[in-house]
Amino acid sequence: MSDRCSDRIVVRGLRLWAHVGVLPHEQQRGQWFEVDIALQCDLGAAGASDQLSDTCDYSLLIQALQQQASGLRCQTLEHWSERMLDLAEQLYGPLPIALELRKCAAPVAGFGGEVAVQRRRHWPD
């Protein structure tokens, strides 16, 4: 990566329906999740050329994550987030990526907030 290491493409608030959770009703009915993803990549070439081929096309990632979610069945956010990181790496190579995956309605009595995992891969310190 060049000296433009602070350049990022960020997708925020991508809502995905998936069958993720430990409880039987989470596995059977599914529920909403939300993810924010940051791809660290040099945006200088696309900034100069105005060509999609000179950048990371975020629409490919959005579509791939939607497809992944539609067929997913697992228990933990940790596992799903790992699969998301794998998918992004398949699309763009080993570039720095960070994500926050949130369960919009955790099934915990008296709790109305969100639960999230934050993950990074190839991300600089």
Protein backbone atom coordinates (compact mmCIF):
# COMPACT_ATOMS: atom_id res chain seq x y z
CA MET A 1 0.00 0.00 0.00
CA SER A 2 1.25 3.48 -0.76
CA ASP A 3 1.43 6.51 1.52
CA ARG A 4 -2.38 6.78 1.30
CA CYS A 5 -2.79 4.19 4.06
CA SER A 6 -5.54 6.21 5.73
CA ASP A 7 -7.86 5.82 2.69
CA ARG A 8 -10.91 3.66 3.41
CA ILE A 9 -14.15 2.56 1.85
CA VAL A 10 -16.76 2.20 4.57
CA VAL A 11 -20.12 0.43 4.32
CA ARG A 12 -22.30 1.32 7.32
CA GLY A 13 -25.58 -0.12 8.46
CA LEU A 14 -25.89 -3.03 6.03
CA ARG A 15 -28.92 -4.95 7.33
CA LEU A 16 -28.89 -8.71 6.79
CA TRP A 17 -31.43 -11.39 7.66
CA ALA A 18 -29.79 -14.61 8.82
CA HIS A 19 -30.33 -17.73 10.90
CA VAL A 20 -27.65 -17.14 13.51
CA GLY A 21 -27.96 -17.87 17.22
CA VAL A 22 -27.77 -20.52 19.89
CA LEU A 23 -31.48 -20.72 20.65
CA PRO A 24 -33.71 -22.95 18.51
CA HIS A 25 -36.05 -20.11 17.51
CA GLU A 26 -33.06 -18.04 16.28
CA GLN A 27 -31.99 -20.93 14.07
CA GLN A 28 -35.52 -21.61 12.80
CA ARG A 29 -36.99 -18.13 12.28
CA GLY A 30 -33.92 -16.01 11.69
CA GLN A 31 -33.47 -12.38 12.65
CA TRP A 32 -31.97 -9.07 11.61
CA PHE A 33 -28.30 -8.22 11.92
CA GLU A 34 -26.40 -5.11 10.96
CA VAL A 35 -22.78 -4.78 9.87
CA ASP A 36 -20.32 -1.95 9.30
CA ILE A 37 -17.24 -2.78 7.23
CA ALA A 38 -14.14 -0.73 6.44
CA LEU A 39 -11.75 -1.67 3.63
CA GLN A 40 -8.42 0.11 3.79
CA CYS A 41 -7.23 0.68 0.25
CA ASP A 42 -5.49 3.33 -1.83
CA LEU A 43 -8.21 5.48 -3.37
CA GLY A 44 -5.81 7.77 -5.20
CA ALA A 45 -5.98 6.00 -8.57
CA ALA A 46 -9.79 6.04 -8.64
CA GLY A 47 -9.78 9.62 -7.37
CA ALA A 48 -7.66 10.62 -10.37
CA SER A 49 -9.22 8.39 -13.04
CA ASP A 50 -12.88 8.21 -11.95
CA GLN A 51 -12.80 4.53 -12.98
CA LEU A 52 -14.49 1.82 -10.90
CA SER A 53 -11.78 -0.63 -11.97
CA ASP A 54 -9.24 1.46 -10.00
CA THR A 55 -10.93 0.90 -6.64
CA CYS A 56 -12.60 -1.76 -4.49
CA ASP A 57 -16.16 -2.02 -5.79
CA TYR A 58 -18.19 -2.05 -2.57
CA SER A 59 -21.32 -3.24 -4.40
CA LEU A 60 -19.63 -6.62 -4.90
CA LEU A 61 -19.09 -6.94 -1.15
CA ILE A 62 -22.67 -5.91 -0.32
CA GLN A 63 -24.11 -8.43 -2.78
CA ALA A 64 -21.78 -11.19 -1.59
CA LEU A 65 -22.68 -10.58 2.07
CA GLN A 66 -26.39 -10.59 1.24
CA GLN A 67 -25.96 -13.90 -0.57
CA GLN A 68 -23.92 -15.36 2.26
CA ALA A 69 -26.51 -14.33 4.86
CA SER A 70 -29.37 -15.88 2.92
CA GLY A 71 -27.88 -19.37 3.19
CA LEU A 72 -26.14 -19.07 6.54
CA ARG A 73 -26.88 -21.17 9.60
CA CYS A 74 -24.51 -20.93 12.55
CA GLN A 75 -24.54 -20.24 16.27
CA THR A 76 -22.16 -17.36 16.92
CA LEU A 77 -21.45 -13.87 15.69
CA GLU A 78 -17.79 -14.79 15.99
CA HIS A 79 -18.14 -17.55 13.40
CA TRP A 80 -20.19 -15.43 11.01
CA SER A 81 -17.78 -12.51 11.29
CA GLU A 82 -14.91 -14.87 10.42
CA ARG A 83 -16.79 -15.96 7.31
CA MET A 84 -17.40 -12.29 6.42
CA LEU A 85 -13.68 -11.57 6.68
CA ASP A 86 -12.94 -14.63 4.51
CA LEU A 87 -15.44 -13.44 1.91
CA ALA A 88 -13.97 -9.93 1.77
CA GLU A 89 -10.50 -11.38 1.41
CA GLN A 90 -11.67 -13.61 -1.46
CA LEU A 91 -13.03 -10.53 -3.24
CA TYR A 92 -10.21 -8.04 -2.66
CA GLY A 93 -7.18 -9.98 -1.48
CA PRO A 94 -5.42 -9.56 1.86
CA LEU A 95 -6.10 -5.87 2.37
CA PRO A 96 -6.79 -4.45 5.83
CA ILE A 97 -10.43 -4.89 6.79
CA ALA A 98 -12.37 -4.12 9.96
CA LEU A 99 -15.97 -4.92 10.78
CA GLU A 100 -18.57 -4.64 13.48
CA LEU A 101 -21.38 -7.21 13.31
CA ARG A 102 -24.42 -6.48 15.47
CA LYS A 103 -27.35 -8.63 16.54
CA CYS A 104 -30.24 -6.16 16.51
CA ALA A 105 -32.40 -7.96 19.09
CA ALA A 106 -30.44 -10.21 21.43
CA PRO A 107 -32.78 -12.66 23.19
CA VAL A 108 -31.88 -11.62 26.73
CA ALA A 109 -34.76 -10.82 29.08
CA GLY A 110 -34.96 -7.11 29.93
CA PHE A 111 -32.28 -6.12 27.41
CA GLY A 112 -33.24 -3.84 24.53
CA GLY A 113 -29.81 -2.97 23.16
CA GLU A 114 -27.54 -4.56 20.61
CA VAL A 115 -24.73 -7.08 20.98
CA ALA A 116 -21.77 -6.84 18.63
CA VAL A 117 -18.41 -8.33 17.74
CA GLN A 118 -15.63 -6.22 16.30
CA ARG A 119 -13.03 -7.91 14.15
CA ARG A 120 -9.98 -6.87 12.17
CA ARG A 121 -7.81 -8.65 9.66
CA HIS A 122 -4.53 -7.32 8.27
CA TRP A 123 -5.35 -4.03 10.06
CA PRO A 124 -2.39 -1.88 11.12
CA ASP A 125 -1.96 -1.15 14.82
